[in-house]
Amino acid sequence: MKKSTLLLLGGATAVHAQGYQLEVEIPRLKVSEYHRPYVAAWIENADRSHVANLTVCYDTEMKNDEGEKWLKDLRQWWRRSGRELDMPVDGVSGPTRPPGKHKFAITEALAKLPPLAGGKYTLVVEASREVGGRELVKIPFSWDGKKLSAEKATGKSELGEVSVTPIEAKSK
């Protein structure tokens, strides 16, 4: 199989793309006690094995790294790779986000993605909130070693719209 880095984007249609942007919507919920959700995004193979982490948002402000204790509430992510990580992870982890749409640039420098062979993959986004729910949104995609078309899916409770789009280079 041809190995290629997801973000190098060779090929005619991706010449101007500089990487991909993951956009995750965290809906505003009308609940009596609201806590910002922990959110993780990663890529899985067709056999559901972990390929790469894209982002992990958790409470980084708690004393004595107490926020890391609750990362295991992101159950799927925790089982796939979280328990093997030493947090924080440079370029991947960051603080929780308030309700709204949040953009994460997935560039080679930030995500340090391994070379990705052509095939079928799934982008998985998981959210878990204290005194709240937990939700997974999956976006299946095919990678031909050259390009990834824009994809999106929508959650029902803890996540709103999740999308992946190419970042186009700006013309000079």
Foldseek 3Di string as FASTA:
>chain_A
DDWAAAQVFDDDVCPFFRAKKKKWAFADDPDPDFDFKWKWKFKAAPVRAGFFTAATAWACPDPPSVRLVCPCVLPSCCVRPVVVDDPDDALHYYHGDDGGMDMRTRHCVRGVGDTDAWAKMKMKMWIDTVVDHIDIDIWIWTDHNHHTDKTWDADDHRIGIIIMHTHGHDDD
